[in-house]
C-alpha atoms as a PDB file:
ATOM      1  CA  UNK A   1     145.976  29.404  76.817  1.00  0.00           C
ATOM      2  CA  UNK A   2     144.975  31.833  74.082  1.00  0.00           C
ATOM      3  CA  UNK A   3     141.491  33.291  74.549  1.00  0.00           C
ATOM      4  CA  UNK A   4     140.512  32.354  70.994  1.00  0.00           C
ATOM      5  CA  UNK A   5     141.497  28.719  71.515  1.00  0.00           C
ATOM      6  CA  UNK A   6     139.572  28.608  74.802  1.00  0.00           C
ATOM      7  CA  UNK A   7     136.507  30.011  73.048  1.00  0.00           C
ATOM      8  CA  UNK A   8     136.734  27.418  70.272  1.00  0.00           C
ATOM      9  CA  UNK A   9     137.071  24.600  72.794  1.00  0.00           C
ATOM     10  CA  UNK A  10     134.028  25.916  74.650  1.00  0.00           C
ATOM     11  CA  UNK A  11     131.982  26.068  71.454  1.00  0.00           C
ATOM     12  CA  UNK A  12     133.104  22.563  70.475  1.00  0.00           C
ATOM     13  CA  UNK A  13     132.118  21.169  73.870  1.00  0.00           C
ATOM     14  CA  UNK A  14     128.734  22.902  73.694  1.00  0.00           C
ATOM     15  CA  UNK A  15     128.052  21.442  70.239  1.00  0.00           C
ATOM     16  CA  UNK A  16     129.164  18.007  71.399  1.00  0.00           C
ATOM     17  CA  UNK A  17     126.776  18.123  74.355  1.00  0.00           C
ATOM     18  CA  UNK A  18     123.923  19.237  72.085  1.00  0.00           C
ATOM     19  CA  UNK A  19     124.725  16.432  69.646  1.00  0.00           C
ATOM     20  CA  UNK A  20     124.728  13.797  72.378  1.00  0.00           C
ATOM     21  CA  UNK A  21     121.436  15.145  73.733  1.00  0.00           C
ATOM     22  CA  UNK A  22     119.907  15.014  70.254  1.00  0.00           C
ATOM     23  CA  UNK A  23     120.900  11.368  69.834  1.00  0.00           C
ATOM     24  CA  UNK A  24     118.710  10.497  72.820  1.00  0.00           C
ATOM     25  CA  UNK A  25     115.987  13.078  72.118  1.00  0.00           C
ATOM     26  CA  UNK A  26     112.394  12.024  71.465  1.00  0.00           C
ATOM     27  CA  UNK A  27     110.895  15.433  70.621  1.00  0.00           C
ATOM     28  CA  UNK A  28     111.832  18.687  68.929  1.00  0.00           C
ATOM     29  CA  UNK A  29     114.183  20.944  70.852  1.00  0.00           C
ATOM     30  CA  UNK A  30     111.511  23.542  71.657  1.00  0.00           C
ATOM     31  CA  UNK A  31     109.313  20.911  73.251  1.00  0.00           C
ATOM     32  CA  UNK A  32     112.199  19.342  75.158  1.00  0.00           C
ATOM     33  CA  UNK A  33     113.194  22.737  76.567  1.00  0.00           C
ATOM     34  CA  UNK A  34     109.599  23.156  77.703  1.00  0.00           C
ATOM     35  CA  UNK A  35     109.769  19.837  79.575  1.00  0.00           C
ATOM     36  CA  UNK A  36     112.780  21.149  81.495  1.00  0.00           C
ATOM     37  CA  UNK A  37     112.020  24.832  81.987  1.00  0.00           C
ATOM     38  CA  UNK A  38     108.396  25.387  80.984  1.00  0.00           C
ATOM     39  CA  UNK A  39     105.051  25.284  82.750  1.00  0.00           C
ATOM     40  CA  UNK A  40     103.879  21.943  84.119  1.00  0.00           C
ATOM     41  CA  UNK A  41     100.606  20.402  82.894  1.00  0.00           C
ATOM     42  CA  UNK A  42      99.591  19.658  86.490  1.00  0.00           C
ATOM     43  CA  UNK A  43      99.539  23.414  87.131  1.00  0.00           C
ATOM     44  CA  UNK A  44      98.270  24.828  83.831  1.00  0.00           C
ATOM     45  CA  UNK A  45      95.576  22.256  83.021  1.00  0.00           C
ATOM     46  CA  UNK A  46      94.003  21.752  86.439  1.00  0.00           C
ATOM     47  CA  UNK A  47      90.273  22.483  86.409  1.00  0.00           C
ATOM     48  CA  UNK A  48      90.104  23.147  82.653  1.00  0.00           C
ATOM     49  CA  UNK A  49      87.428  21.488  80.532  1.00  0.00           C
ATOM     50  CA  UNK A  50      89.097  19.346  77.857  1.00  0.00           C
ATOM     51  CA  UNK A  51      87.189  17.615  75.058  1.00  0.00           C
ATOM     52  CA  UNK A  52      89.093  14.615  73.666  1.00  0.00           C
ATOM     53  CA  UNK A  53      87.934  12.804  70.530  1.00  0.00           C
ATOM     54  CA  UNK A  54      89.109   9.297  69.784  1.00  0.00           C
ATOM     55  CA  UNK A  55      89.203   8.775  73.551  1.00  0.00           C
ATOM     56  CA  UNK A  56      88.348   5.060  73.535  1.00  0.00           C
ATOM     57  CA  UNK A  57      91.855   3.768  72.762  1.00  0.00           C
ATOM     58  CA  UNK A  58      95.461   4.631  71.991  1.00  0.00           C
ATOM     59  CA  UNK A  59      96.667   8.201  72.377  1.00  0.00           C
ATOM     60  CA  UNK A  60      93.156   9.460  73.167  1.00  0.00           C
ATOM     61  CA  UNK A  61      92.701   6.966  76.000  1.00  0.00           C
ATOM     62  CA  UNK A  62      96.075   7.826  77.506  1.00  0.00           C
ATOM     63  CA  UNK A  63      95.286  11.546  77.160  1.00  0.00           C
ATOM     64  CA  UNK A  64      92.163  10.959  79.230  1.00  0.00           C
ATOM     65  CA  UNK A  65      94.131   9.241  82.000  1.00  0.00           C
ATOM     66  CA  UNK A  66      96.899  11.823  82.205  1.00  0.00           C
ATOM     67  CA  UNK A  67      94.500  14.774  81.958  1.00  0.00           C
ATOM     68  CA  UNK A  68      92.460  13.257  84.789  1.00  0.00           C
ATOM     69  CA  UNK A  69      95.663  13.044  86.777  1.00  0.00           C
ATOM     70  CA  UNK A  70      96.223  16.750  86.122  1.00  0.00           C
ATOM     71  CA  UNK A  71      92.763  17.544  87.484  1.00  0.00           C
ATOM     72  CA  UNK A  72      91.199  18.482  84.141  1.00  0.00           C
ATOM     73  CA  UNK A  73      87.470  17.970  83.685  1.00  0.00           C
ATOM     74  CA  UNK A  74      86.837  15.750  80.694  1.00  0.00           C
ATOM     75  CA  UNK A  75      84.539  15.238  77.742  1.00  0.00           C
ATOM     76  CA  UNK A  76      85.301  11.812  76.273  1.00  0.00           C
ATOM     77  CA  UNK A  77      84.143  11.136  72.732  1.00  0.00           C
ATOM     78  CA  UNK A  78      84.325   8.224  70.314  1.00  0.00           C
ATOM     79  CA  UNK A  79      81.821   5.860  68.739  1.00  0.00           C
ATOM     80  CA  UNK A  80      82.143   2.945  71.196  1.00  0.00           C
ATOM     81  CA  UNK A  81      80.171   3.868  74.311  1.00  0.00           C
ATOM     82  CA  UNK A  82      81.224   0.760  76.236  1.00  0.00           C
ATOM     83  CA  UNK A  83      84.885   1.631  75.773  1.00  0.00           C
ATOM     84  CA  UNK A  84      84.290   5.253  76.776  1.00  0.00           C
ATOM     85  CA  UNK A  85      82.593   4.046  79.960  1.00  0.00           C
ATOM     86  CA  UNK A  86      85.635   1.862  80.650  1.00  0.00           C
ATOM     87  CA  UNK A  87      87.997   4.806  80.154  1.00  0.00           C
ATOM     88  CA  UNK A  88      85.853   6.999  82.409  1.00  0.00           C
ATOM     89  CA  UNK A  89      85.877   4.364  85.127  1.00  0.00           C
ATOM     90  CA  UNK A  90      89.665   4.118  85.009  1.00  0.00           C
ATOM     91  CA  UNK A  91      89.986   7.920  85.049  1.00  0.00           C
ATOM     92  CA  UNK A  92      87.937   8.079  88.237  1.00  0.00           C
ATOM     93  CA  UNK A  93      90.034   5.322  89.794  1.00  0.00           C
ATOM     94  CA  UNK A  94      93.298   7.128  88.986  1.00  0.00           C
ATOM     95  CA  UNK A  95      92.338  10.650  90.029  1.00  0.00           C
ATOM     96  CA  UNK A  96      90.387  12.770  92.471  1.00  0.00           C
ATOM     97  CA  UNK A  97      87.727  13.612  89.883  1.00  0.00           C
ATOM     98  CA  UNK A  98      84.051  13.017  90.610  1.00  0.00           C
ATOM     99  CA  UNK A  99      81.515  11.403  88.299  1.00  0.00           C
ATOM    100  CA  UNK A 100      80.148  14.796  87.242  1.00  0.00           C
ATOM    101  CA  UNK A 101      83.649  15.883  86.170  1.00  0.00           C
ATOM    102  CA  UNK A 102      83.714  13.421  83.265  1.00  0.00           C
ATOM    103  CA  UNK A 103      81.090  13.487  80.514  1.00  0.00           C
ATOM    104  CA  UNK A 104      80.882  10.513  78.165  1.00  0.00           C
ATOM    105  CA  UNK A 105      79.671  11.994  74.895  1.00  0.00           C
ATOM    106  CA  UNK A 106      79.404   9.451  72.044  1.00  0.00           C
ATOM    107  CA  UNK A 107      80.446  11.017  68.751  1.00  0.00           C
ATOM    108  CA  UNK A 108      80.816   9.903  65.149  1.00  0.00           C
ATOM    109  CA  UNK A 109      82.999  12.318  63.185  1.00  0.00           C
ATOM    110  CA  UNK A 110      81.304  11.192  59.981  1.00  0.00           C
ATOM    111  CA  UNK A 111      77.888  12.344  61.227  1.00  0.00           C
ATOM    112  CA  UNK A 112      78.625  16.047  60.808  1.00  0.00           C
ATOM    113  CA  UNK A 113      74.961  17.027  61.191  1.00  0.00           C
ATOM    114  CA  UNK A 114      75.134  15.843  64.808  1.00  0.00           C
ATOM    115  CA  UNK A 115      78.170  17.922  65.812  1.00  0.00           C
ATOM    116  CA  UNK A 116      76.245  21.068  66.733  1.00  0.00           C
ATOM    117  CA  UNK A 117      74.007  19.141  69.133  1.00  0.00           C
ATOM    118  CA  UNK A 118      77.035  17.404  70.666  1.00  0.00           C
ATOM    119  CA  UNK A 119      78.722  20.737  71.257  1.00  0.00           C
ATOM    120  CA  UNK A 120      75.604  22.138  72.912  1.00  0.00           C
ATOM    121  CA  UNK A 121      75.408  19.082  75.178  1.00  0.00           C
ATOM    122  CA  UNK A 122      79.013  19.652  76.263  1.00  0.00           C
ATOM    123  CA  UNK A 123      78.377  23.345  76.955  1.00  0.00           C
ATOM    124  CA  UNK A 124      75.187  22.551  78.857  1.00  0.00           C
ATOM    125  CA  UNK A 125      77.062  20.111  81.093  1.00  0.00           C
ATOM    126  CA  UNK A 126      80.180  22.176  81.874  1.00  0.00           C
ATOM    127  CA  UNK A 127      79.285  25.714  80.823  1.00  0.00           C
ATOM    128  CA  UNK A 128      82.367  26.072  78.632  1.00  0.00           C
ATOM    129  CA  UNK A 129      85.043  24.215  76.658  1.00  0.00           C
ATOM    130  CA  UNK A 130      88.621  25.308  77.316  1.00  0.00           C
ATOM    131  CA  UNK A 131      90.493  22.845  75.115  1.00  0.00           C
ATOM    132  CA  UNK A 132      89.446  20.730  72.145  1.00  0.00           C
ATOM    133  CA  UNK A 133      91.798  17.860  71.313  1.00  0.00           C
ATOM    134  CA  UNK A 134      91.083  16.544  67.816  1.00  0.00           C
ATOM    135  CA  UNK A 135      92.455  13.023  68.069  1.00  0.00           C
ATOM    136  CA  UNK A 136      89.871  10.893  66.262  1.00  0.00           C
ATOM    137  CA  UNK A 137      90.741   9.296  62.930  1.00  0.00           C
ATOM    138  CA  UNK A 138      91.998   6.212  61.102  1.00  0.00           C
ATOM    139  CA  UNK A 139      95.198   5.263  59.321  1.00  0.00           C
ATOM    140  CA  UNK A 140      95.836   3.318  56.095  1.00  0.00           C
ATOM    141  CA  UNK A 141      97.931   0.357  54.967  1.00  0.00           C
ATOM    142  CA  UNK A 142      97.567  -0.217  51.236  1.00  0.00           C
ATOM    143  CA  UNK A 143      99.231   0.539  47.908  1.00  0.00           C
ATOM    144  CA  UNK A 144      97.783   3.333  45.807  1.00  0.00           C
ATOM    145  CA  UNK A 145      97.419   1.149  42.690  1.00  0.00           C
ATOM    146  CA  UNK A 146      95.313  -1.334  44.646  1.00  0.00           C
ATOM    147  CA  UNK A 147      93.246   1.124  46.700  1.00  0.00           C
ATOM    148  CA  UNK A 148      89.677   2.059  45.898  1.00  0.00           C
ATOM    149  CA  UNK A 149      88.838   5.748  45.594  1.00  0.00           C
ATOM    150  CA  UNK A 150      86.161   5.061  48.208  1.00  0.00           C
ATOM    151  CA  UNK A 151      88.955   4.545  50.749  1.00  0.00           C
ATOM    152  CA  UNK A 152      90.403   7.950  49.927  1.00  0.00           C
ATOM    153  CA  UNK A 153      86.989   9.530  50.275  1.00  0.00           C
ATOM    154  CA  UNK A 154      86.435   7.800  53.630  1.00  0.00           C
ATOM    155  CA  UNK A 155      89.819   8.994  54.924  1.00  0.00           C
ATOM    156  CA  UNK A 156      89.173  12.603  53.955  1.00  0.00           C
ATOM    157  CA  UNK A 157      85.606  12.515  55.299  1.00  0.00           C
ATOM    158  CA  UNK A 158      86.754  11.139  58.649  1.00  0.00           C
ATOM    159  CA  UNK A 159      90.221  12.563  59.318  1.00  0.00           C
ATOM    160  CA  UNK A 160      89.828  15.948  57.655  1.00  0.00           C
ATOM    161  CA  UNK A 161      86.199  17.006  57.228  1.00  0.00           C
ATOM    162  CA  UNK A 162      85.048  15.404  60.493  1.00  0.00           C
ATOM    163  CA  UNK A 163      87.762  17.259  62.409  1.00  0.00           C
ATOM    164  CA  UNK A 164      87.061  20.538  60.619  1.00  0.00           C
ATOM    165  CA  UNK A 165      83.328  20.184  61.281  1.00  0.00           C
ATOM    166  CA  UNK A 166      83.740  19.704  65.030  1.00  0.00           C
ATOM    167  CA  UNK A 167      86.300  22.515  65.234  1.00  0.00           C
ATOM    168  CA  UNK A 168      83.895  24.888  63.470  1.00  0.00           C
ATOM    169  CA  UNK A 169      81.239  24.101  66.065  1.00  0.00           C
ATOM    170  CA  UNK A 170      83.535  24.759  69.029  1.00  0.00           C
ATOM    171  CA  UNK A 171      85.440  27.744  67.652  1.00  0.00           C
ATOM    172  CA  UNK A 172      82.592  30.324  67.827  1.00  0.00           C
ATOM    173  CA  UNK A 173      82.230  29.484  71.523  1.00  0.00           C
ATOM    174  CA  UNK A 174      85.924  30.213  71.991  1.00  0.00           C
ATOM    175  CA  UNK A 175      85.907  33.449  70.017  1.00  0.00           C
ATOM    176  CA  UNK A 176      82.896  34.633  72.020  1.00  0.00           C
ATOM    177  CA  UNK A 177      84.790  33.960  75.257  1.00  0.00           C
ATOM    178  CA  UNK A 178      88.009  35.330  73.804  1.00  0.00           C
ATOM    179  CA  UNK A 179      90.034  32.289  74.821  1.00  0.00           C
ATOM    180  CA  UNK A 180      90.474  28.621  74.036  1.00  0.00           C
ATOM    181  CA  UNK A 181      92.844  26.029  72.687  1.00  0.00           C
ATOM    182  CA  UNK A 182      92.447  23.726  69.693  1.00  0.00           C
ATOM    183  CA  UNK A 183      94.945  20.868  69.548  1.00  0.00           C
ATOM    184  CA  UNK A 184      94.972  18.532  66.547  1.00  0.00           C
ATOM    185  CA  UNK A 185      96.865  15.264  66.417  1.00  0.00           C
ATOM    186  CA  UNK A 186      98.391  15.072  62.954  1.00  0.00           C
ATOM    187  CA  UNK A 187     101.338  12.805  62.095  1.00  0.00           C
ATOM    188  CA  UNK A 188     104.866  12.694  60.745  1.00  0.00           C
ATOM    189  CA  UNK A 189     103.179  11.909  57.412  1.00  0.00           C
ATOM    190  CA  UNK A 190     101.411  15.255  57.710  1.00  0.00           C
ATOM    191  CA  UNK A 191     104.842  16.779  57.097  1.00  0.00           C
ATOM    192  CA  UNK A 192     106.316  14.217  54.704  1.00  0.00           C
ATOM    193  CA  UNK A 193     105.027  11.444  52.492  1.00  0.00           C
ATOM    194  CA  UNK A 194     105.186   7.720  53.229  1.00  0.00           C
ATOM    195  CA  UNK A 195     104.378   4.600  51.173  1.00  0.00           C
ATOM    196  CA  UNK A 196     101.236   2.598  51.984  1.00  0.00           C
ATOM    197  CA  UNK A 197      99.632   5.777  53.391  1.00  0.00           C
ATOM    198  CA  UNK A 198      98.824   7.956  50.394  1.00  0.00           C
ATOM    199  CA  UNK A 199      95.291   8.727  51.558  1.00  0.00           C
ATOM    200  CA  UNK A 200      96.184   8.996  55.244  1.00  0.00           C
ATOM    201  CA  UNK A 201      99.098  11.281  54.452  1.00  0.00           C
ATOM    202  CA  UNK A 202      96.860  13.434  52.257  1.00  0.00           C
ATOM    203  CA  UNK A 203      94.314  13.821  55.064  1.00  0.00           C
ATOM    204  CA  UNK A 204      97.024  14.811  57.552  1.00  0.00           C
ATOM    205  CA  UNK A 205      98.590  17.270  55.095  1.00  0.00           C
ATOM    206  CA  UNK A 206      95.116  18.771  54.740  1.00  0.00           C
ATOM    207  CA  UNK A 207      94.855  19.169  58.518  1.00  0.00           C
ATOM    208  CA  UNK A 208      98.279  20.825  58.656  1.00  0.00           C
ATOM    209  CA  UNK A 209      97.294  23.312  55.963  1.00  0.00           C
ATOM    210  CA  UNK A 210      93.906  24.021  57.516  1.00  0.00           C
ATOM    211  CA  UNK A 211      95.100  24.667  61.063  1.00  0.00           C
ATOM    212  CA  UNK A 212      98.216  26.585  60.018  1.00  0.00           C
ATOM    213  CA  UNK A 213      95.963  28.865  57.985  1.00  0.00           C
ATOM    214  CA  UNK A 214      93.360  29.078  60.747  1.00  0.00           C
ATOM    215  CA  UNK A 215      96.041  30.207  63.183  1.00  0.00           C
ATOM    216  CA  UNK A 216      96.789  33.212  60.976  1.00  0.00           C
ATOM    217  CA  UNK A 217      93.078  34.092  60.797  1.00  0.00           C
ATOM    218  CA  UNK A 218      92.800  34.229  64.574  1.00  0.00           C
ATOM    219  CA  UNK A 219      95.568  36.724  65.294  1.00  0.00           C
ATOM    220  CA  UNK A 220      92.988  39.175  66.671  1.00  0.00           C
ATOM    221  CA  UNK A 221      92.280  36.576  69.368  1.00  0.00           C
ATOM    222  CA  UNK A 222      95.698  36.205  71.024  1.00  0.00           C
ATOM    223  CA  UNK A 223      94.273  33.981  73.774  1.00  0.00           C
ATOM    224  CA  UNK A 224      92.996  31.387  71.284  1.00  0.00           C
ATOM    225  CA  UNK A 225      95.818  28.979  70.528  1.00  0.00           C
ATOM    226  CA  UNK A 226      96.110  26.484  67.681  1.00  0.00           C
ATOM    227  CA  UNK A 227      98.510  23.553  67.975  1.00  0.00           C
ATOM    228  CA  UNK A 228      99.286  20.576  65.764  1.00  0.00           C
ATOM    229  CA  UNK A 229     100.942  17.427  67.075  1.00  0.00           C
ATOM    230  CA  UNK A 230     103.066  15.356  64.686  1.00  0.00           C
ATOM    231  CA  UNK A 231     103.896  12.001  66.293  1.00  0.00           C
ATOM    232  CA  UNK A 232     106.026   9.334  64.709  1.00  0.00           C
ATOM    233  CA  UNK A 233     105.267   5.652  65.383  1.00  0.00           C
ATOM    234  CA  UNK A 234     103.487   5.253  68.730  1.00  0.00           C
ATOM    235  CA  UNK A 235     102.169   2.105  70.383  1.00  0.00           C
ATOM    236  CA  UNK A 236      98.417   2.181  69.782  1.00  0.00           C
ATOM    237  CA  UNK A 237      95.623   0.459  67.893  1.00  0.00           C
ATOM    238  CA  UNK A 238      95.831   2.784  64.905  1.00  0.00           C
ATOM    239  CA  UNK A 239      97.350   0.105  62.660  1.00  0.00           C
ATOM    240  CA  UNK A 240      94.814  -2.548  63.700  1.00  0.00           C
ATOM    241  CA  UNK A 241      92.005  -0.158  62.727  1.00  0.00           C
ATOM    242  CA  UNK A 242      93.635   1.065  59.503  1.00  0.00           C
ATOM    243  CA  UNK A 243      91.900   1.179  56.140  1.00  0.00           C
ATOM    244  CA  UNK A 244      93.165  -1.262  53.521  1.00  0.00           C
ATOM    245  CA  UNK A 245      92.536  -1.311  49.766  1.00  0.00           C
ATOM    246  CA  UNK A 246      88.769  -1.662  50.225  1.00  0.00           C
ATOM    247  CA  UNK A 247      86.413  -0.009  52.724  1.00  0.00           C
ATOM    248  CA  UNK A 248      85.445  -2.582  55.341  1.00  0.00           C
ATOM    249  CA  UNK A 249      88.357  -4.938  54.662  1.00  0.00           C
ATOM    250  CA  UNK A 250      90.402  -5.582  57.803  1.00  0.00           C
ATOM    251  CA  UNK A 251      94.187  -5.446  57.949  1.00  0.00           C
ATOM    252  CA  UNK A 252      95.695  -8.974  58.196  1.00  0.00           C
ATOM    253  CA  UNK A 253      98.254  -8.191  60.898  1.00  0.00           C
ATOM    254  CA  UNK A 254      99.332  -5.079  62.774  1.00  0.00           C
ATOM    255  CA  UNK A 255     103.010  -6.071  63.048  1.00  0.00           C
ATOM    256  CA  UNK A 256     105.416  -5.564  65.922  1.00  0.00           C
ATOM    257  CA  UNK A 257     104.754  -2.571  68.215  1.00  0.00           C
ATOM    258  CA  UNK A 258     107.844  -2.892  70.413  1.00  0.00           C
ATOM    259  CA  UNK A 259     110.014  -0.516  68.406  1.00  0.00           C
ATOM    260  CA  UNK A 260     107.436   2.285  68.691  1.00  0.00           C
ATOM    261  CA  UNK A 261     107.301   5.050  71.290  1.00  0.00           C
ATOM    262  CA  UNK A 262     105.448   4.184  74.482  1.00  0.00           C
ATOM    263  CA  UNK A 263     102.041   5.885  74.443  1.00  0.00           C
ATOM    264  CA  UNK A 264     102.431   7.376  77.918  1.00  0.00           C
ATOM    265  CA  UNK A 265     105.627   9.223  76.929  1.00  0.00           C
ATOM    266  CA  UNK A 266     104.032  10.606  73.761  1.00  0.00           C
ATOM    267  CA  UNK A 267     101.028  11.896  75.712  1.00  0.00           C
ATOM    268  CA  UNK A 268     103.186  13.454  78.428  1.00  0.00           C
ATOM    269  CA  UNK A 269     105.019  15.438  75.759  1.00  0.00           C
ATOM    270  CA  UNK A 270     101.708  16.496  74.202  1.00  0.00           C
ATOM    271  CA  UNK A 271     100.477  17.806  77.558  1.00  0.00           C
ATOM    272  CA  UNK A 272     103.734  19.702  78.109  1.00  0.00           C
ATOM    273  CA  UNK A 273     103.276  21.274  74.684  1.00  0.00           C
ATOM    274  CA  UNK A 274      99.691  22.250  75.505  1.00  0.00           C
ATOM    275  CA  UNK A 275     100.714  23.710  78.868  1.00  0.00           C
ATOM    276  CA  UNK A 276     103.323  25.866  77.118  1.00  0.00           C
ATOM    277  CA  UNK A 277     101.349  26.889  74.042  1.00  0.00           C
ATOM    278  CA  UNK A 278     103.615  25.111  71.561  1.00  0.00           C
ATOM    279  CA  UNK A 279     102.296  25.681  68.033  1.00  0.00           C
ATOM    280  CA  UNK A 280     103.721  22.519  66.470  1.00  0.00           C
ATOM    281  CA  UNK A 281     105.096  19.458  68.259  1.00  0.00           C
ATOM    282  CA  UNK A 282     107.404  16.885  66.710  1.00  0.00           C
ATOM    283  CA  UNK A 283     107.341  13.724  68.825  1.00  0.00           C
ATOM    284  CA  UNK A 284     109.309  10.660  67.790  1.00  0.00           C
ATOM    285  CA  UNK A 285     112.178   8.427  68.769  1.00  0.00           C
ATOM    286  CA  UNK A 286     115.303   8.270  66.664  1.00  0.00           C
ATOM    287  CA  UNK A 287     115.800   7.821  63.762  1.00  0.00           C
ATOM    288  CA  UNK A 288     112.396   9.356  63.025  1.00  0.00           C
ATOM    289  CA  UNK A 289     113.140  12.597  64.866  1.00  0.00           C
ATOM    290  CA  UNK A 290     116.264  13.078  62.775  1.00  0.00           C
ATOM    291  CA  UNK A 291     114.121  12.608  59.689  1.00  0.00           C
ATOM    292  CA  UNK A 292     111.878  15.536  60.752  1.00  0.00           C
ATOM    293  CA  UNK A 293     114.909  17.831  60.843  1.00  0.00           C
ATOM    294  CA  UNK A 294     116.399  16.502  57.606  1.00  0.00           C
ATOM    295  CA  UNK A 295     113.061  16.976  55.864  1.00  0.00           C
ATOM    296  CA  UNK A 296     112.819  20.525  57.215  1.00  0.00           C
ATOM    297  CA  UNK A 297     116.378  21.685  56.522  1.00  0.00           C
ATOM    298  CA  UNK A 298     117.795  19.324  53.865  1.00  0.00           C
ATOM    299  CA  UNK A 299     114.873  18.154  51.721  1.00  0.00           C
ATOM    300  CA  UNK A 300     117.071  16.777  48.919  1.00  0.00           C
ATOM    301  CA  UNK A 301     118.664  14.341  51.365  1.00  0.00           C
ATOM    302  CA  UNK A 302     115.236  13.592  52.780  1.00  0.00           C
ATOM    303  CA  UNK A 303     113.944  12.553  49.369  1.00  0.00           C
ATOM    304  CA  UNK A 304     116.892  10.176  48.963  1.00  0.00           C
ATOM    305  CA  UNK A 305     116.277   8.597  52.386  1.00  0.00           C
ATOM    306  CA  UNK A 306     112.547   8.361  51.684  1.00  0.00           C
ATOM    307  CA  UNK A 307     113.164   6.578  48.377  1.00  0.00           C
ATOM    308  CA  UNK A 308     115.524   4.017  49.920  1.00  0.00           C
ATOM    309  CA  UNK A 309     113.394   3.203  52.969  1.00  0.00           C
ATOM    310  CA  UNK A 310     110.144   3.486  51.034  1.00  0.00           C
ATOM    311  CA  UNK A 311     111.289   0.901  48.492  1.00  0.00           C
ATOM    312  CA  UNK A 312     112.139  -1.531  51.302  1.00  0.00           C
ATOM    313  CA  UNK A 313     108.820  -0.877  53.032  1.00  0.00           C
ATOM    314  CA  UNK A 314     106.844  -1.628  49.880  1.00  0.00           C
ATOM    315  CA  UNK A 315     108.878  -4.793  49.283  1.00  0.00           C
ATOM    316  CA  UNK A 316     108.164  -5.982  52.823  1.00  0.00           C
ATOM    317  CA  UNK A 317     104.463  -5.227  52.419  1.00  0.00           C
ATOM    318  CA  UNK A 318     104.223  -7.159  49.146  1.00  0.00           C
ATOM    319  CA  UNK A 319     106.053 -10.091  50.749  1.00  0.00           C
ATOM    320  CA  UNK A 320     103.586 -10.163  53.641  1.00  0.00           C
ATOM    321  CA  UNK A 321     106.197  -8.986  56.164  1.00  0.00           C
ATOM    322  CA  UNK A 322     105.946  -6.205  58.734  1.00  0.00           C
ATOM    323  CA  UNK A 323     106.215  -3.089  56.557  1.00  0.00           C
ATOM    324  CA  UNK A 324     107.483  -0.966  59.444  1.00  0.00           C
ATOM    325  CA  UNK A 325     110.500  -3.248  59.898  1.00  0.00           C
ATOM    326  CA  UNK A 326     112.058  -1.435  56.919  1.00  0.00           C
ATOM    327  CA  UNK A 327     112.887   1.400  59.324  1.00  0.00           C
ATOM    328  CA  UNK A 328     114.530  -0.833  61.924  1.00  0.00           C
ATOM    329  CA  UNK A 329     117.319  -3.337  61.539  1.00  0.00           C
ATOM    330  CA  UNK A 330     117.136  -6.042  64.173  1.00  0.00           C
ATOM    331  CA  UNK A 331     120.393  -7.755  65.077  1.00  0.00           C
ATOM    332  CA  UNK A 332     120.643 -11.352  63.922  1.00  0.00           C
ATOM    333  CA  UNK A 333     121.242 -13.964  66.571  1.00  0.00           C
ATOM    334  CA  UNK A 334     124.587 -15.715  66.273  1.00  0.00           C
END
């Protein structure tokens, strides 16, 4: 067989394998390579002090459990002390950590004047903070035309300014030591827009811009790493706790969670990314992962897809249906 034909067949087979792998992928290719060939969280994160905000439920709760399993010492923060105590108890049951290895540190991101004292309490307990995971925040489910400006202010105060405030308290400690890691959980809507989430998307875009810029300011500290995590839909309580058109008004129903990524898989990928110093992590099942790549490399097509799916999502929302079902077509029973 001609050498050129053999080469073409080899290239075609390679591309076919990559395509098949991508169909079943649930993270960006860099992160998936790290899961196969990179450092393991159990090795890299053992003994490190990790501060997790939003640790009382969802991704933050699962982060606490898996970090405990890796042997990390933990600072667990959120507003609900009873839930933090529950998470701590389960961490101790699932790991070899001792009571002194887990500090429950109640924290309200909106009370920015308290953040300095909280940071000092954490330092006093452990002596240092190796990793800060900014996971606290709330989502949104409401139409722009019906949403009070107070909701937008609350979203920016909590998701953006609260996160920035805590980061600014921890960062001088890291620069003084010359090392540290700041990980911020953003969202797919931090990269692209989505209906019913104008304020939430704006707050996540703000986080993306802030931490991408901060990373460039810290180039003289090569051992201080900045990472952003951009998950797609994940099973958690973020929808139940979402803002609606008025501050204090609860969401009627959270909708079906079955089509979303399992929280444990999302968190495992986050920890792999942290262990390997990944600057930005895209974590989502298909078809959302494909959308990340289309938005990055073919934005004109992405706008078309966004318009089609966004229109359906708004229609579902107005009809009182599960808005997220616009992204998934369930087979009809015969």
